[in-house]
Amino acid sequence: MSSEKPNYFDLVYQVVREIPKGRVTSYGTIAHYLGLKSGARMVGYAMNAAHTLSDVPAHRVVNRHGLLTGKAHFVPPTRMQALLESEGVVVENDKIRDFDKLFWDPEKELGI
C-alpha cells in the first residue's frame, strides 16, 4: 500500500477539464464528486492556482448559486465573464443566467 497522498489539485483539474464549453459547475459539486473532505474550499484553492494553467478552464467553475465568485483571481477580473460569454454563457450582474440549464454535474456526466 502506497503512503503517497493523492494530489487533490490534480484530481480537481482532471474534473474541470471535462466540463464542456458553454457549461458550468460549482466548487461544491466537484468536491462532492471527488469525496474531498475539505470540500468546496479546497476546490476554490485549486481554481485560484489554476489560472496559470492554459488547459484548465477555471472560468467554468462558479459558486452554488451561479455567481462568479472567483473572478477576482482572473486578470483582469472581467476575464472570467468574457471567457464564459465567448462560449455562449450569458452573465448578468456576475451571475450565470439559466444556471440550472447550463449546470454540469460530474456524477451524472462522468459516473462514479
Protein backbone atom coordinates (compact mmCIF):
# COMPACT_ATOMS: atom_id res chain seq x y z
CA MET A 1 0.00 0.00 0.00
CA SER A 2 1.42 3.36 -1.03
CA SER A 3 1.76 6.06 1.59
CA GLU A 4 1.74 8.70 -1.13
CA LYS A 5 -1.24 11.04 -0.82
CA PRO A 6 -3.19 11.98 -3.94
CA ASN A 7 -2.61 15.46 -5.29
CA TYR A 8 -6.06 16.97 -4.80
CA PHE A 9 -5.39 19.86 -7.14
CA ASP A 10 -4.61 17.42 -9.95
CA LEU A 11 -7.82 15.50 -9.24
CA VAL A 12 -9.81 18.73 -9.36
CA TYR A 13 -8.13 19.74 -12.62
CA GLN A 14 -8.98 16.38 -14.17
CA VAL A 15 -12.67 17.00 -13.48
CA VAL A 16 -12.60 20.65 -14.58
CA ARG A 17 -11.02 19.68 -17.90
CA GLU A 18 -14.12 17.58 -18.60
CA ILE A 19 -16.60 20.48 -18.30
CA PRO A 20 -17.86 21.15 -21.83
CA LYS A 21 -17.72 24.61 -23.37
CA GLY A 22 -20.85 26.57 -22.56
CA ARG A 23 -21.49 24.64 -19.34
CA VAL A 24 -20.64 25.40 -15.70
CA THR A 25 -20.40 23.60 -12.40
CA SER A 26 -19.81 24.54 -8.78
CA TYR A 27 -16.94 24.17 -6.35
CA GLY A 28 -19.06 22.05 -4.02
CA THR A 29 -20.24 19.73 -6.78
CA ILE A 30 -16.65 18.95 -7.76
CA ALA A 31 -15.70 18.42 -4.12
CA HIS A 32 -18.63 16.06 -3.59
CA TYR A 33 -17.78 14.11 -6.74
CA LEU A 34 -14.17 13.67 -5.60
CA GLY A 35 -15.09 12.98 -1.98
CA LEU A 36 -12.89 15.82 -0.76
CA LYS A 37 -13.24 16.19 2.98
CA SER A 38 -12.26 19.83 2.90
CA GLY A 39 -14.97 20.44 0.33
CA ALA A 40 -15.62 23.42 -1.83
CA ARG A 41 -12.86 25.47 -0.22
CA MET A 42 -10.19 23.03 -1.46
CA VAL A 43 -11.65 23.22 -4.97
CA GLY A 44 -11.56 27.01 -4.71
CA TYR A 45 -7.88 26.89 -3.75
CA ALA A 46 -7.21 24.65 -6.74
CA MET A 47 -9.07 27.02 -9.07
CA ASN A 48 -7.12 30.01 -7.71
CA ALA A 49 -3.90 28.16 -8.52
CA ALA A 50 -5.14 27.10 -11.97
CA HIS A 51 -5.08 30.50 -13.64
CA THR A 52 -1.59 29.91 -14.96
CA LEU A 53 -2.62 26.57 -16.50
CA SER A 54 -3.95 27.07 -20.00
CA ASP A 55 -5.59 23.62 -20.11
CA VAL A 56 -7.79 24.10 -17.01
CA PRO A 57 -10.98 26.07 -17.79
CA ALA A 58 -11.31 27.57 -14.30
CA HIS A 59 -13.84 30.11 -15.62
CA ARG A 60 -16.43 27.30 -15.81
CA VAL A 61 -16.43 26.81 -12.02
CA VAL A 62 -18.73 29.11 -10.04
CA ASN A 63 -20.41 29.06 -6.67
CA ARG A 64 -23.57 27.06 -5.94
CA HIS A 65 -25.78 29.99 -6.89
CA GLY A 66 -24.09 30.57 -10.24
CA LEU A 67 -22.14 33.61 -9.05
CA LEU A 68 -18.72 34.41 -10.47
CA THR A 69 -17.10 34.47 -7.05
CA GLY A 70 -13.67 33.56 -8.47
CA LYS A 71 -13.50 36.50 -10.87
CA ALA A 72 -11.07 38.40 -8.63
CA HIS A 73 -8.43 35.80 -9.42
CA PHE A 74 -8.57 36.49 -13.16
CA VAL A 75 -6.51 39.24 -14.78
CA PRO A 76 -8.32 41.44 -15.38
CA PRO A 77 -11.29 40.42 -13.18
CA THR A 78 -13.65 40.81 -16.16
CA ARG A 79 -11.82 37.97 -17.96
CA MET A 80 -13.90 35.24 -16.27
CA GLN A 81 -17.12 36.72 -17.62
CA ALA A 82 -15.57 37.34 -21.05
CA LEU A 83 -14.43 33.72 -21.32
CA LEU A 84 -17.90 32.45 -20.36
CA GLU A 85 -19.59 34.80 -22.81
CA SER A 86 -17.25 33.65 -25.58
CA GLU A 87 -18.75 30.18 -25.01
CA GLY A 88 -22.32 31.46 -25.24
CA VAL A 89 -22.98 31.74 -21.50
CA VAL A 90 -24.97 34.83 -20.54
CA VAL A 91 -23.79 36.58 -17.37
CA GLU A 92 -25.85 39.29 -15.70
CA ASN A 93 -24.64 41.09 -12.58
CA ASP A 94 -21.89 38.47 -12.06
CA LYS A 95 -24.43 35.63 -12.17
CA ILE A 96 -24.97 32.91 -14.79
CA ARG A 97 -28.35 33.27 -16.48
CA ASP A 98 -30.12 29.91 -16.79
CA PHE A 99 -27.67 28.39 -14.31
CA ASP A 100 -29.87 25.31 -13.82
CA LYS A 101 -29.94 24.62 -17.56
CA LEU A 102 -26.19 25.11 -18.01
CA PHE A 103 -25.20 23.24 -14.86
CA TRP A 104 -22.88 20.28 -15.45
CA ASP A 105 -22.85 17.54 -12.81
CA PRO A 106 -19.82 15.22 -12.98
CA GLU A 107 -21.70 12.45 -11.17
CA LYS A 108 -24.26 12.35 -13.97
CA GLU A 109 -21.87 13.08 -16.82
CA LEU A 110 -18.82 11.08 -15.77
CA GLY A 111 -20.33 8.49 -13.45
CA ILE A 112 -18.86 7.50 -10.12
